Amino acid sequence: MHRNLLVLAFALALPLTALAADNDIDKVNGAVRVEAGQHAGNVSTVNGAVHIGDNAVVQKASTVNGSVELGDHAQASAIDTVNGSVTLGAGGHVTGGVDVTNGGIRLGNQADVAGKVGSVNGSINLDNAHVGGGIHTVSGDITVGPNSRVEGGILVDKPGGWFNWSSNSRLPHVVIGPHAVVQGTLEFRREVVLQVSDTAQIGPVKGATPVKFSGDVPTE
């Protein structure tokens, strides 16, 4: 009896965030923030951003009309957004995939995505980062930065459906940086500019002709 009372008193004394550590967070018309080091379930909002603090752990993080920021060494099972960007801080880890429509993706130093990284028409940038399930885009640029590693190849698909309305004739640019590694097929179903460092390692290429460059970045 006394022990139960002590446990109850201790629970009541805990901060609300600790008691709700594994709860979902769902919001409309506003930003959602998970503070550094905290744990949460699924985190989502509409018309707002999602901010996951350093070393925090969440399940799926998603938003419509907003960005998702995963802090340094933070973790999520999956991330998706419509009309917004996704940024992973240094050492950030996603056990599933990252999926974006109308927005870019940036993976910081030593960030890791175990699944696929896909963006319909936003740029994808890796900075000494790792992607385990391949990269997919339709009209966005891709930069696999120095010392980055991609498994599962790269796919640049042809526009279809409502994407045909776009009058933007600029070709997507795909750059594989110094000492980067892309395992699997690099498949291009539309015309692209493909530039590959002379120190990079890539798999078979379909639909494009690689142009070699030396130095840190292409000159053109």
N, C-alpha and C. Protein backbone atom coordinates (compact mmCIF):
# COMPACT_ATOMS: atom_id res chain seq x y z
N MET A 1 0.82 -1.20 0.00
CA MET A 1 0.00 0.00 0.00
C MET A 1 0.86 1.25 0.00
N HIS A 2 1.80 1.31 0.96
CA HIS A 2 2.68 2.48 1.02
C HIS A 2 3.51 2.60 -0.24
N ARG A 3 3.95 1.45 -0.76
CA ARG A 3 4.77 1.48 -1.97
C ARG A 3 3.99 2.06 -3.14
N ASN A 4 2.72 1.66 -3.29
CA ASN A 4 1.89 2.17 -4.37
C ASN A 4 1.69 3.67 -4.27
N LEU A 5 1.52 4.15 -3.04
CA LEU A 5 1.35 5.58 -2.84
C LEU A 5 2.61 6.35 -3.23
N LEU A 6 3.77 5.76 -2.91
CA LEU A 6 5.03 6.41 -3.27
C LEU A 6 5.20 6.48 -4.78
N VAL A 7 4.85 5.38 -5.47
CA VAL A 7 4.95 5.35 -6.93
C VAL A 7 4.04 6.39 -7.54
N LEU A 8 2.79 6.50 -7.00
CA LEU A 8 1.85 7.47 -7.52
C LEU A 8 2.35 8.89 -7.30
N ALA A 9 2.88 9.15 -6.12
CA ALA A 9 3.40 10.49 -5.81
C ALA A 9 4.56 10.84 -6.74
N PHE A 10 5.42 9.88 -7.03
CA PHE A 10 6.55 10.12 -7.92
C PHE A 10 6.08 10.42 -9.34
N ALA A 11 5.06 9.67 -9.80
CA ALA A 11 4.53 9.90 -11.15
C ALA A 11 3.91 11.27 -11.27
N LEU A 12 3.19 11.69 -10.22
CA LEU A 12 2.56 13.01 -10.26
C LEU A 12 3.59 14.12 -10.26
N ALA A 13 4.76 13.83 -9.73
CA ALA A 13 5.81 14.85 -9.66
C ALA A 13 6.58 14.97 -10.96
N LEU A 14 6.42 13.99 -11.88
CA LEU A 14 7.15 14.04 -13.14
C LEU A 14 6.62 15.15 -14.03
N PRO A 15 7.49 15.73 -14.85
CA PRO A 15 7.01 16.72 -15.81
C PRO A 15 6.01 16.09 -16.78
N LEU A 16 5.11 16.90 -17.29
CA LEU A 16 4.11 16.40 -18.23
C LEU A 16 4.75 15.79 -19.46
N THR A 17 5.84 16.37 -19.94
CA THR A 17 6.49 15.84 -21.13
C THR A 17 7.04 14.45 -20.90
N ALA A 18 7.48 14.18 -19.69
CA ALA A 18 8.00 12.84 -19.39
C ALA A 18 6.88 11.82 -19.38
N LEU A 19 5.71 12.19 -18.80
CA LEU A 19 4.59 11.26 -18.76
C LEU A 19 4.06 10.98 -20.16
N ALA A 20 4.18 11.95 -21.05
CA ALA A 20 3.64 11.81 -22.40
C ALA A 20 4.75 11.50 -23.42
N ALA A 21 5.84 10.92 -22.93
CA ALA A 21 7.02 10.75 -23.78
C ALA A 21 6.74 9.98 -25.05
N ASP A 22 5.84 8.97 -24.98
CA ASP A 22 5.59 8.14 -26.14
C ASP A 22 4.29 8.51 -26.85
N ASN A 23 3.68 9.61 -26.52
CA ASN A 23 2.41 10.00 -27.12
C ASN A 23 2.62 10.66 -28.48
N ASP A 24 1.58 10.55 -29.31
CA ASP A 24 1.59 11.25 -30.59
C ASP A 24 1.33 12.73 -30.36
N ILE A 25 1.82 13.54 -31.30
CA ILE A 25 1.57 14.97 -31.30
C ILE A 25 0.97 15.33 -32.64
N ASP A 26 -0.26 15.85 -32.63
CA ASP A 26 -0.99 16.15 -33.87
C ASP A 26 -1.56 17.56 -33.75
N LYS A 27 -1.26 18.41 -34.75
CA LYS A 27 -1.65 19.81 -34.65
C LYS A 27 -2.08 20.34 -36.01
N VAL A 28 -2.93 21.37 -36.00
CA VAL A 28 -3.34 22.05 -37.22
C VAL A 28 -3.05 23.54 -37.06
N ASN A 29 -2.48 24.14 -38.12
CA ASN A 29 -2.19 25.57 -38.11
C ASN A 29 -1.22 25.97 -37.00
N GLY A 30 -0.07 25.37 -37.05
CA GLY A 30 0.95 25.75 -36.09
C GLY A 30 2.13 24.81 -36.12
N ALA A 31 3.24 25.29 -35.61
CA ALA A 31 4.46 24.48 -35.57
C ALA A 31 4.41 23.49 -34.41
N VAL A 32 5.14 22.40 -34.57
CA VAL A 32 5.29 21.40 -33.52
C VAL A 32 6.77 21.29 -33.19
N ARG A 33 7.08 21.27 -31.92
CA ARG A 33 8.48 21.19 -31.49
C ARG A 33 8.65 20.06 -30.46
N VAL A 34 9.62 19.21 -30.71
CA VAL A 34 10.03 18.20 -29.73
C VAL A 34 11.40 18.64 -29.23
N GLU A 35 11.49 18.94 -27.96
CA GLU A 35 12.71 19.53 -27.42
C GLU A 35 13.86 18.53 -27.41
N ALA A 36 15.06 19.05 -27.32
CA ALA A 36 16.28 18.24 -27.33
C ALA A 36 16.21 17.14 -26.27
N GLY A 37 16.53 15.93 -26.69
CA GLY A 37 16.59 14.80 -25.78
C GLY A 37 15.26 14.16 -25.45
N GLN A 38 14.15 14.72 -25.89
CA GLN A 38 12.84 14.15 -25.57
C GLN A 38 12.48 13.02 -26.52
N HIS A 39 11.49 12.22 -26.10
CA HIS A 39 10.96 11.14 -26.91
C HIS A 39 9.47 11.42 -27.18
N ALA A 40 9.01 11.08 -28.39
CA ALA A 40 7.60 11.25 -28.74
C ALA A 40 7.22 10.18 -29.74
N GLY A 41 5.90 10.07 -29.99
CA GLY A 41 5.41 9.13 -30.98
C GLY A 41 5.38 9.78 -32.35
N ASN A 42 4.27 9.59 -33.09
CA ASN A 42 4.12 10.25 -34.38
C ASN A 42 3.91 11.74 -34.17
N VAL A 43 4.61 12.54 -34.95
CA VAL A 43 4.56 13.99 -34.82
C VAL A 43 4.11 14.57 -36.16
N SER A 44 2.99 15.30 -36.16
CA SER A 44 2.48 15.81 -37.43
C SER A 44 1.76 17.14 -37.24
N THR A 45 1.70 17.90 -38.33
CA THR A 45 0.97 19.16 -38.32
C THR A 45 0.56 19.50 -39.75
N VAL A 46 -0.39 20.43 -39.85
CA VAL A 46 -0.81 20.99 -41.13
C VAL A 46 -0.62 22.50 -41.04
N ASN A 47 -0.03 23.07 -42.08
CA ASN A 47 0.27 24.51 -42.08
C ASN A 47 1.21 24.90 -40.94
N GLY A 48 2.28 24.15 -40.83
CA GLY A 48 3.27 24.46 -39.81
C GLY A 48 4.49 23.57 -39.96
N ALA A 49 5.55 23.96 -39.29
CA ALA A 49 6.81 23.21 -39.35
C ALA A 49 6.90 22.22 -38.21
N VAL A 50 7.76 21.22 -38.39
CA VAL A 50 8.07 20.25 -37.34
C VAL A 50 9.55 20.38 -37.00
N HIS A 51 9.84 20.65 -35.74
CA HIS A 51 11.22 20.79 -35.28
C HIS A 51 11.51 19.69 -34.26
N ILE A 52 12.47 18.84 -34.59
CA ILE A 52 12.89 17.77 -33.69
C ILE A 52 14.27 18.15 -33.16
N GLY A 53 14.38 18.34 -31.86
CA GLY A 53 15.61 18.83 -31.27
C GLY A 53 16.75 17.82 -31.30
N ASP A 54 17.94 18.29 -31.00
CA ASP A 54 19.12 17.43 -30.96
C ASP A 54 18.90 16.25 -30.01
N ASN A 55 19.29 15.06 -30.46
CA ASN A 55 19.23 13.84 -29.64
C ASN A 55 17.82 13.42 -29.26
N ALA A 56 16.80 14.02 -29.86
CA ALA A 56 15.43 13.60 -29.61
C ALA A 56 15.10 12.36 -30.44
N VAL A 57 14.07 11.63 -30.05
CA VAL A 57 13.66 10.41 -30.75
C VAL A 57 12.15 10.48 -30.97
N VAL A 58 11.72 10.32 -32.22
CA VAL A 58 10.30 10.30 -32.55
C VAL A 58 10.02 9.14 -33.50
N GLN A 59 8.72 8.86 -33.69
CA GLN A 59 8.34 7.93 -34.74
C GLN A 59 8.26 8.71 -36.05
N LYS A 60 7.17 8.65 -36.76
CA LYS A 60 7.06 9.37 -38.03
C LYS A 60 6.88 10.87 -37.78
N ALA A 61 7.59 11.68 -38.56
CA ALA A 61 7.45 13.13 -38.53
C ALA A 61 6.92 13.58 -39.87
N SER A 62 5.78 14.30 -39.89
CA SER A 62 5.18 14.68 -41.16
C SER A 62 4.47 16.01 -41.04
N THR A 63 4.34 16.69 -42.19
CA THR A 63 3.62 17.95 -42.24
C THR A 63 3.14 18.21 -43.65
N VAL A 64 2.13 19.06 -43.77
CA VAL A 64 1.66 19.59 -45.04
C VAL A 64 1.81 21.10 -44.96
N ASN A 65 2.44 21.68 -45.96
CA ASN A 65 2.72 23.12 -45.98
C ASN A 65 3.64 23.53 -44.83
N GLY A 66 4.75 22.84 -44.75
CA GLY A 66 5.74 23.17 -43.73
C GLY A 66 6.97 22.30 -43.88
N SER A 67 8.03 22.69 -43.21
CA SER A 67 9.29 21.95 -43.27
C SER A 67 9.43 21.03 -42.07
N VAL A 68 10.36 20.07 -42.20
CA VAL A 68 10.71 19.18 -41.09
C VAL A 68 12.21 19.30 -40.85
N GLU A 69 12.58 19.59 -39.63
CA GLU A 69 13.99 19.69 -39.26
C GLU A 69 14.29 18.66 -38.17
N LEU A 70 15.23 17.78 -38.48
CA LEU A 70 15.69 16.78 -37.52
C LEU A 70 17.05 17.21 -37.00
N GLY A 71 17.16 17.42 -35.70
CA GLY A 71 18.38 17.97 -35.13
C GLY A 71 19.55 17.01 -35.16
N ASP A 72 20.68 17.49 -34.68
CA ASP A 72 21.89 16.67 -34.63
C ASP A 72 21.65 15.43 -33.79
N HIS A 73 21.99 14.28 -34.35
CA HIS A 73 21.91 12.98 -33.66
C HIS A 73 20.49 12.64 -33.21
N ALA A 74 19.49 13.30 -33.78
CA ALA A 74 18.10 12.94 -33.51
C ALA A 74 17.70 11.75 -34.39
N GLN A 75 16.60 11.08 -34.01
CA GLN A 75 16.18 9.88 -34.72
C GLN A 75 14.69 9.93 -35.03
N ALA A 76 14.32 9.37 -36.19
CA ALA A 76 12.92 9.21 -36.57
C ALA A 76 12.79 7.93 -37.38
N SER A 77 11.57 7.36 -37.39
CA SER A 77 11.36 6.15 -38.18
C SER A 77 11.08 6.49 -39.64
N ALA A 78 10.48 7.67 -39.91
CA ALA A 78 10.21 8.10 -41.27
C ALA A 78 9.89 9.59 -41.25
N ILE A 79 10.10 10.24 -42.40
CA ILE A 79 9.79 11.66 -42.53
C ILE A 79 9.12 11.89 -43.87
N ASP A 80 8.02 12.66 -43.88
CA ASP A 80 7.46 13.08 -45.16
C ASP A 80 6.82 14.46 -45.01
N THR A 81 6.81 15.18 -46.11
CA THR A 81 6.19 16.50 -46.15
C THR A 81 5.72 16.82 -47.55
N VAL A 82 4.67 17.63 -47.62
CA VAL A 82 4.17 18.16 -48.88
C VAL A 82 4.30 19.68 -48.81
N ASN A 83 4.92 20.27 -49.82
CA ASN A 83 5.15 21.72 -49.84
C ASN A 83 6.04 22.16 -48.68
N GLY A 84 7.18 21.52 -48.57
CA GLY A 84 8.14 21.89 -47.54
C GLY A 84 9.42 21.09 -47.69
N SER A 85 10.45 21.52 -47.02
CA SER A 85 11.75 20.87 -47.12
C SER A 85 12.00 19.98 -45.91
N VAL A 86 13.03 19.13 -46.03
CA VAL A 86 13.47 18.28 -44.93
C VAL A 86 14.97 18.48 -44.75
N THR A 87 15.37 18.70 -43.51
CA THR A 87 16.78 18.86 -43.18
C THR A 87 17.14 17.91 -42.05
N LEU A 88 18.19 17.13 -42.24
CA LEU A 88 18.73 16.27 -41.19
C LEU A 88 20.03 16.86 -40.71
N GLY A 89 20.14 17.07 -39.40
CA GLY A 89 21.36 17.59 -38.83
C GLY A 89 22.46 16.55 -38.80
N ALA A 90 23.61 16.95 -38.34
CA ALA A 90 24.77 16.06 -38.28
C ALA A 90 24.44 14.83 -37.45
N GLY A 91 24.69 13.66 -38.02
CA GLY A 91 24.45 12.42 -37.30
C GLY A 91 23.00 12.06 -37.13
N GLY A 92 22.09 12.78 -37.78
CA GLY A 92 20.67 12.43 -37.71
C GLY A 92 20.41 11.08 -38.36
N HIS A 93 19.43 10.34 -37.85
CA HIS A 93 19.21 8.97 -38.33
C HIS A 93 17.73 8.72 -38.56
N VAL A 94 17.39 8.22 -39.76
CA VAL A 94 16.03 7.83 -40.10
C VAL A 94 16.05 6.36 -40.47
N THR A 95 15.28 5.56 -39.74
CA THR A 95 15.31 4.11 -39.96
C THR A 95 14.51 3.69 -41.19
N GLY A 96 13.58 4.54 -41.63
CA GLY A 96 12.82 4.28 -42.84
C GLY A 96 13.27 5.20 -43.96
N GLY A 97 12.28 5.87 -44.61
CA GLY A 97 12.60 6.73 -45.73
C GLY A 97 12.24 8.18 -45.49
N VAL A 98 12.66 9.02 -46.44
CA VAL A 98 12.33 10.44 -46.44
C VAL A 98 11.66 10.74 -47.77
N ASP A 99 10.42 11.27 -47.71
CA ASP A 99 9.63 11.48 -48.92
C ASP A 99 9.11 12.91 -48.93
N VAL A 100 9.39 13.64 -50.01
CA VAL A 100 9.03 15.05 -50.10
C VAL A 100 8.38 15.33 -51.44
N THR A 101 7.32 16.12 -51.42
CA THR A 101 6.72 16.66 -52.64
C THR A 101 6.82 18.17 -52.58
N ASN A 102 7.38 18.77 -53.61
CA ASN A 102 7.55 20.23 -53.66
C ASN A 102 8.44 20.74 -52.53
N GLY A 103 9.63 20.22 -52.47
CA GLY A 103 10.58 20.68 -51.46
C GLY A 103 11.89 19.94 -51.57
N GLY A 104 12.92 20.52 -51.00
CA GLY A 104 14.25 19.92 -51.06
C GLY A 104 14.56 19.08 -49.84
N ILE A 105 15.65 18.34 -49.96
CA ILE A 105 16.13 17.47 -48.87
C ILE A 105 17.62 17.72 -48.70
N ARG A 106 18.03 17.93 -47.46
CA ARG A 106 19.45 18.11 -47.17
C ARG A 106 19.84 17.20 -46.00
N LEU A 107 20.84 16.36 -46.25
CA LEU A 107 21.35 15.45 -45.21
C LEU A 107 22.71 15.96 -44.76
N GLY A 108 22.83 16.28 -43.48
CA GLY A 108 24.05 16.84 -42.94
C GLY A 108 25.15 15.82 -42.75
N ASN A 109 26.25 16.28 -42.21
CA ASN A 109 27.44 15.45 -42.02
C ASN A 109 27.13 14.19 -41.22
N GLN A 110 27.39 13.04 -41.84
CA GLN A 110 27.19 11.73 -41.24
C GLN A 110 25.73 11.42 -40.92
N ALA A 111 24.81 12.13 -41.53
CA ALA A 111 23.40 11.75 -41.42
C ALA A 111 23.18 10.43 -42.15
N ASP A 112 22.16 9.69 -41.71
CA ASP A 112 21.94 8.34 -42.24
C ASP A 112 20.45 8.11 -42.44
N VAL A 113 20.07 7.73 -43.66
CA VAL A 113 18.70 7.32 -43.97
C VAL A 113 18.76 5.89 -44.46
N ALA A 114 18.14 4.98 -43.71
CA ALA A 114 18.24 3.56 -44.07
C ALA A 114 17.41 3.22 -45.29
N GLY A 115 16.30 3.94 -45.51
CA GLY A 115 15.42 3.67 -46.64
C GLY A 115 15.68 4.58 -47.82
N LYS A 116 14.60 4.82 -48.59
CA LYS A 116 14.70 5.64 -49.81
C LYS A 116 14.59 7.12 -49.47
N VAL A 117 15.28 7.92 -50.28
CA VAL A 117 15.15 9.38 -50.22
C VAL A 117 14.55 9.83 -51.53
N GLY A 118 13.37 10.46 -51.48
CA GLY A 118 12.70 10.85 -52.70
C GLY A 118 12.12 12.25 -52.63
N SER A 119 12.30 13.01 -53.71
CA SER A 119 11.71 14.34 -53.83
C SER A 119 11.26 14.53 -55.26
N VAL A 120 10.02 14.95 -55.45
CA VAL A 120 9.51 15.07 -56.81
C VAL A 120 10.22 16.18 -57.56
N ASN A 121 10.26 17.38 -56.99
CA ASN A 121 10.85 18.48 -57.75
C ASN A 121 11.67 19.42 -56.87
N GLY A 122 12.30 18.90 -55.85
CA GLY A 122 13.21 19.68 -55.04
C GLY A 122 14.60 19.07 -55.07
N SER A 123 15.59 19.86 -54.75
CA SER A 123 16.97 19.37 -54.77
C SER A 123 17.23 18.41 -53.62
N ILE A 124 18.16 17.49 -53.84
CA ILE A 124 18.58 16.53 -52.82
C ILE A 124 20.09 16.68 -52.66
N ASN A 125 20.51 16.97 -51.43
CA ASN A 125 21.93 17.21 -51.17
C ASN A 125 22.41 16.33 -50.02
N LEU A 126 23.51 15.61 -50.26
CA LEU A 126 24.14 14.79 -49.23
C LEU A 126 25.51 15.36 -48.90
N ASP A 127 25.75 15.58 -47.62
CA ASP A 127 27.04 16.10 -47.16
C ASP A 127 27.70 15.03 -46.29
N ASN A 128 28.56 14.21 -46.91
CA ASN A 128 29.19 13.11 -46.18
C ASN A 128 28.13 12.30 -45.46
N ALA A 129 27.06 11.97 -46.19
CA ALA A 129 25.91 11.29 -45.61
C ALA A 129 25.70 9.93 -46.28
N HIS A 130 24.75 9.16 -45.74
CA HIS A 130 24.49 7.80 -46.23
C HIS A 130 23.00 7.62 -46.50
N VAL A 131 22.69 7.00 -47.64
CA VAL A 131 21.32 6.62 -47.99
C VAL A 131 21.34 5.15 -48.36
N GLY A 132 20.50 4.36 -47.70
CA GLY A 132 20.53 2.92 -47.91
C GLY A 132 19.55 2.38 -48.93
N GLY A 133 18.52 3.18 -49.29
CA GLY A 133 17.48 2.66 -50.17
C GLY A 133 17.35 3.37 -51.50
N GLY A 134 18.36 4.08 -51.91
CA GLY A 134 18.34 4.74 -53.20
C GLY A 134 17.76 6.14 -53.15
N ILE A 135 17.99 6.89 -54.24
CA ILE A 135 17.50 8.26 -54.38
C ILE A 135 16.61 8.34 -55.60
N HIS A 136 15.48 9.03 -55.46
CA HIS A 136 14.49 9.11 -56.54
C HIS A 136 14.03 10.56 -56.67
N THR A 137 14.02 11.08 -57.90
CA THR A 137 13.45 12.40 -58.15
C THR A 137 12.89 12.44 -59.56
N VAL A 138 12.15 13.51 -59.85
CA VAL A 138 11.64 13.74 -61.20
C VAL A 138 12.35 14.93 -61.84
N SER A 139 12.36 16.05 -61.16
CA SER A 139 12.94 17.23 -61.78
C SER A 139 13.90 17.99 -60.86
N GLY A 140 14.27 17.40 -59.74
CA GLY A 140 15.19 18.07 -58.83
C GLY A 140 16.65 17.73 -59.11
N ASP A 141 17.53 18.62 -58.72
CA ASP A 141 18.96 18.34 -58.78
C ASP A 141 19.35 17.38 -57.66
N ILE A 142 20.41 16.61 -57.89
CA ILE A 142 20.94 15.69 -56.89
C ILE A 142 22.42 15.95 -56.74
N THR A 143 22.86 16.15 -55.51
CA THR A 143 24.29 16.27 -55.23
C THR A 143 24.67 15.24 -54.17
N VAL A 144 25.42 14.25 -54.60
CA VAL A 144 25.97 13.26 -53.66
C VAL A 144 27.35 13.78 -53.30
N GLY A 145 27.43 14.49 -52.19
CA GLY A 145 28.62 15.23 -51.84
C GLY A 145 29.81 14.35 -51.49
N PRO A 146 30.97 14.98 -51.29
CA PRO A 146 32.19 14.23 -51.00
C PRO A 146 32.02 13.23 -49.87
N ASN A 147 32.54 12.02 -50.11
CA ASN A 147 32.56 10.95 -49.11
C ASN A 147 31.18 10.41 -48.74
N SER A 148 30.15 10.80 -49.48
CA SER A 148 28.81 10.25 -49.23
C SER A 148 28.69 8.87 -49.86
N ARG A 149 27.68 8.13 -49.40
CA ARG A 149 27.49 6.76 -49.89
C ARG A 149 25.99 6.52 -50.12
N VAL A 150 25.67 5.99 -51.28
CA VAL A 150 24.29 5.67 -51.63
C VAL A 150 24.22 4.22 -52.06
N GLU A 151 23.33 3.47 -51.46
CA GLU A 151 23.04 2.11 -51.89
C GLU A 151 21.64 2.09 -52.47
N GLY A 152 21.43 1.30 -53.51
CA GLY A 152 20.12 1.25 -54.14
C GLY A 152 20.01 2.12 -55.37
N GLY A 153 21.10 2.75 -55.77
CA GLY A 153 21.14 3.49 -57.02
C GLY A 153 20.42 4.82 -56.99
N ILE A 154 20.28 5.41 -58.18
CA ILE A 154 19.62 6.70 -58.36
C ILE A 154 18.65 6.57 -59.53
N LEU A 155 17.44 7.10 -59.35
CA LEU A 155 16.45 7.11 -60.42
C LEU A 155 15.95 8.54 -60.61
N VAL A 156 16.08 9.05 -61.84
CA VAL A 156 15.44 10.30 -62.22
C VAL A 156 14.36 9.93 -63.22
N ASP A 157 13.12 10.05 -62.78
CA ASP A 157 11.99 9.60 -63.59
C ASP A 157 11.53 10.71 -64.54
N LYS A 158 10.77 10.32 -65.56
CA LYS A 158 10.24 11.33 -66.49
C LYS A 158 8.99 11.96 -65.89
N PRO A 159 8.76 13.23 -66.21
CA PRO A 159 7.56 13.90 -65.70
C PRO A 159 6.31 13.23 -66.25
N GLY A 160 5.27 13.26 -65.44
CA GLY A 160 4.00 12.69 -65.87
C GLY A 160 2.86 13.35 -65.13
N GLY A 161 1.65 13.16 -65.64
CA GLY A 161 0.48 13.72 -64.98
C GLY A 161 0.54 15.24 -64.95
N TRP A 162 0.23 15.79 -63.77
CA TRP A 162 0.13 17.25 -63.67
C TRP A 162 1.48 17.94 -63.75
N PHE A 163 2.60 17.15 -63.69
CA PHE A 163 3.90 17.79 -63.82
C PHE A 163 4.18 18.27 -65.24
N ASN A 164 3.40 17.80 -66.21
CA ASN A 164 3.62 18.21 -67.59
C ASN A 164 3.31 19.68 -67.84
N TRP A 165 2.60 20.32 -66.90
CA TRP A 165 2.27 21.73 -67.12
C TRP A 165 3.50 22.63 -67.04
N SER A 166 4.56 22.17 -66.37
CA SER A 166 5.70 23.04 -66.12
C SER A 166 6.39 23.46 -67.41
N SER A 167 6.70 24.75 -67.49
CA SER A 167 7.40 25.26 -68.67
C SER A 167 8.91 25.34 -68.44
N ASN A 168 9.37 24.86 -67.28
CA ASN A 168 10.78 24.93 -66.96
C ASN A 168 11.54 23.90 -67.79
N SER A 169 12.38 24.38 -68.70
CA SER A 169 13.10 23.47 -69.59
C SER A 169 14.50 23.13 -69.07
N ARG A 170 14.87 23.63 -67.91
CA ARG A 170 16.20 23.36 -67.37
C ARG A 170 16.33 21.87 -67.04
N LEU A 171 17.47 21.30 -67.42
CA LEU A 171 17.70 19.89 -67.15
C LEU A 171 18.15 19.68 -65.71
N PRO A 172 17.69 18.61 -65.07
CA PRO A 172 18.20 18.29 -63.74
C PRO A 172 19.70 18.02 -63.79
N HIS A 173 20.42 18.50 -62.77
CA HIS A 173 21.86 18.27 -62.66
C HIS A 173 22.11 17.24 -61.55
N VAL A 174 22.88 16.23 -61.89
CA VAL A 174 23.24 15.18 -60.92
C VAL A 174 24.76 15.21 -60.80
N VAL A 175 25.24 15.45 -59.58
CA VAL A 175 26.68 15.53 -59.33
C VAL A 175 27.06 14.48 -58.30
N ILE A 176 28.04 13.67 -58.65
CA ILE A 176 28.60 12.67 -57.74
C ILE A 176 29.98 13.17 -57.34
N GLY A 177 30.14 13.57 -56.10
CA GLY A 177 31.33 14.28 -55.67
C GLY A 177 32.53 13.39 -55.39
N PRO A 178 33.64 14.02 -55.00
CA PRO A 178 34.89 13.30 -54.75
C PRO A 178 34.73 12.21 -53.68
N HIS A 179 35.24 11.03 -54.01
CA HIS A 179 35.27 9.89 -53.09
C HIS A 179 33.87 9.43 -52.66
N ALA A 180 32.85 9.88 -53.37
CA ALA A 180 31.50 9.38 -53.11
C ALA A 180 31.33 8.01 -53.76
N VAL A 181 30.39 7.23 -53.24
CA VAL A 181 30.11 5.89 -53.76
C VAL A 181 28.61 5.77 -53.99
N VAL A 182 28.22 5.35 -55.20
CA VAL A 182 26.83 5.04 -55.50
C VAL A 182 26.77 3.61 -55.99
N GLN A 183 26.19 2.74 -55.19
CA GLN A 183 26.04 1.34 -55.56
C GLN A 183 24.66 1.13 -56.18
N GLY A 184 24.59 0.29 -57.20
CA GLY A 184 23.34 0.09 -57.91
C GLY A 184 23.31 0.93 -59.18
N THR A 185 22.23 0.77 -59.93
CA THR A 185 22.11 1.43 -61.24
C THR A 185 21.73 2.90 -61.09
N LEU A 186 22.35 3.74 -61.88
CA LEU A 186 21.95 5.14 -62.02
C LEU A 186 21.11 5.21 -63.29
N GLU A 187 19.79 5.32 -63.13
CA GLU A 187 18.87 5.25 -64.27
C GLU A 187 18.22 6.61 -64.49
N PHE A 188 18.25 7.06 -65.74
CA PHE A 188 17.72 8.38 -66.08
C PHE A 188 16.69 8.21 -67.20
N ARG A 189 15.43 8.45 -66.87
CA ARG A 189 14.34 8.30 -67.83
C ARG A 189 13.99 9.62 -68.51
N ARG A 190 14.79 10.62 -68.26
CA ARG A 190 14.69 11.89 -68.95
C ARG A 190 16.10 12.44 -69.10
N GLU A 191 16.26 13.46 -69.92
CA GLU A 191 17.59 14.02 -70.13
C GLU A 191 18.07 14.74 -68.88
N VAL A 192 19.33 14.51 -68.53
CA VAL A 192 19.93 15.15 -67.36
C VAL A 192 21.37 15.54 -67.70
N VAL A 193 21.96 16.33 -66.81
CA VAL A 193 23.39 16.58 -66.84
C VAL A 193 23.99 15.76 -65.70
N LEU A 194 24.85 14.80 -66.04
CA LEU A 194 25.46 13.91 -65.05
C LEU A 194 26.95 14.17 -64.99
N GLN A 195 27.42 14.63 -63.84
CA GLN A 195 28.83 14.95 -63.64
C GLN A 195 29.36 14.10 -62.48
N VAL A 196 30.46 13.39 -62.75
CA VAL A 196 30.99 12.42 -61.80
C VAL A 196 32.45 12.71 -61.53
N SER A 197 32.80 12.82 -60.26
CA SER A 197 34.20 13.04 -59.90
C SER A 197 35.07 11.88 -60.36
N ASP A 198 36.31 12.20 -60.72
CA ASP A 198 37.23 11.13 -61.15
C ASP A 198 37.70 10.27 -59.99
N THR A 199 37.30 10.62 -58.76
CA THR A 199 37.62 9.76 -57.61
C THR A 199 36.39 9.05 -57.05
N ALA A 200 35.23 9.26 -57.67
CA ALA A 200 34.00 8.62 -57.21
C ALA A 200 33.86 7.21 -57.78
N GLN A 201 33.02 6.41 -57.14
CA GLN A 201 32.70 5.07 -57.63
C GLN A 201 31.20 4.97 -57.85
N ILE A 202 30.80 4.56 -59.07
CA ILE A 202 29.38 4.45 -59.37
C ILE A 202 29.09 3.13 -60.04
N GLY A 203 27.81 2.75 -60.02
CA GLY A 203 27.36 1.54 -60.69
C GLY A 203 27.05 1.82 -62.16
N PRO A 204 26.35 0.89 -62.81
CA PRO A 204 26.02 1.05 -64.23
C PRO A 204 25.11 2.27 -64.44
N VAL A 205 25.26 2.92 -65.61
CA VAL A 205 24.48 4.11 -65.93
C VAL A 205 23.58 3.81 -67.12
N LYS A 206 22.27 4.14 -66.98
CA LYS A 206 21.31 3.97 -68.07
C LYS A 206 20.68 5.32 -68.39
N GLY A 207 20.74 5.73 -69.64
CA GLY A 207 20.02 6.91 -70.08
C GLY A 207 20.79 8.21 -70.00
N ALA A 208 22.05 8.18 -69.66
CA ALA A 208 22.85 9.40 -69.59
C ALA A 208 24.31 9.06 -69.83
N THR A 209 25.07 10.07 -70.18
CA THR A 209 26.51 9.90 -70.37
C THR A 209 27.25 10.68 -69.28
N PRO A 210 27.99 9.99 -68.40
CA PRO A 210 28.70 10.70 -67.34
C PRO A 210 29.80 11.59 -67.90
N VAL A 211 29.93 12.76 -67.31
CA VAL A 211 31.02 13.68 -67.64
C VAL A 211 31.93 13.77 -66.42
N LYS A 212 33.17 13.37 -66.61
CA LYS A 212 34.12 13.36 -65.50
C LYS A 212 34.59 14.77 -65.16
N PHE A 213 34.85 15.00 -63.86
CA PHE A 213 35.48 16.24 -63.45
C PHE A 213 36.50 15.96 -62.36
N SER A 214 37.44 16.84 -62.20
CA SER A 214 38.42 16.73 -61.12
C SER A 214 38.28 17.92 -60.20
N GLY A 215 38.85 17.81 -59.00
CA GLY A 215 38.69 18.87 -58.03
C GLY A 215 37.47 18.67 -57.16
N ASP A 216 37.14 19.69 -56.37
CA ASP A 216 36.04 19.56 -55.42
C ASP A 216 34.67 19.59 -56.06
N VAL A 217 34.50 20.45 -57.09
CA VAL A 217 33.20 20.61 -57.73
C VAL A 217 33.40 20.75 -59.23
N PRO A 218 32.35 20.48 -60.02
CA PRO A 218 32.46 20.70 -61.46
C PRO A 218 32.70 22.18 -61.77
N THR A 219 33.39 22.44 -62.84
CA THR A 219 33.66 23.83 -63.23
C THR A 219 32.49 24.46 -63.94
N GLU A 220 31.57 23.67 -64.44
CA GLU A 220 30.40 24.20 -65.13
C GLU A 220 29.12 23.65 -64.50
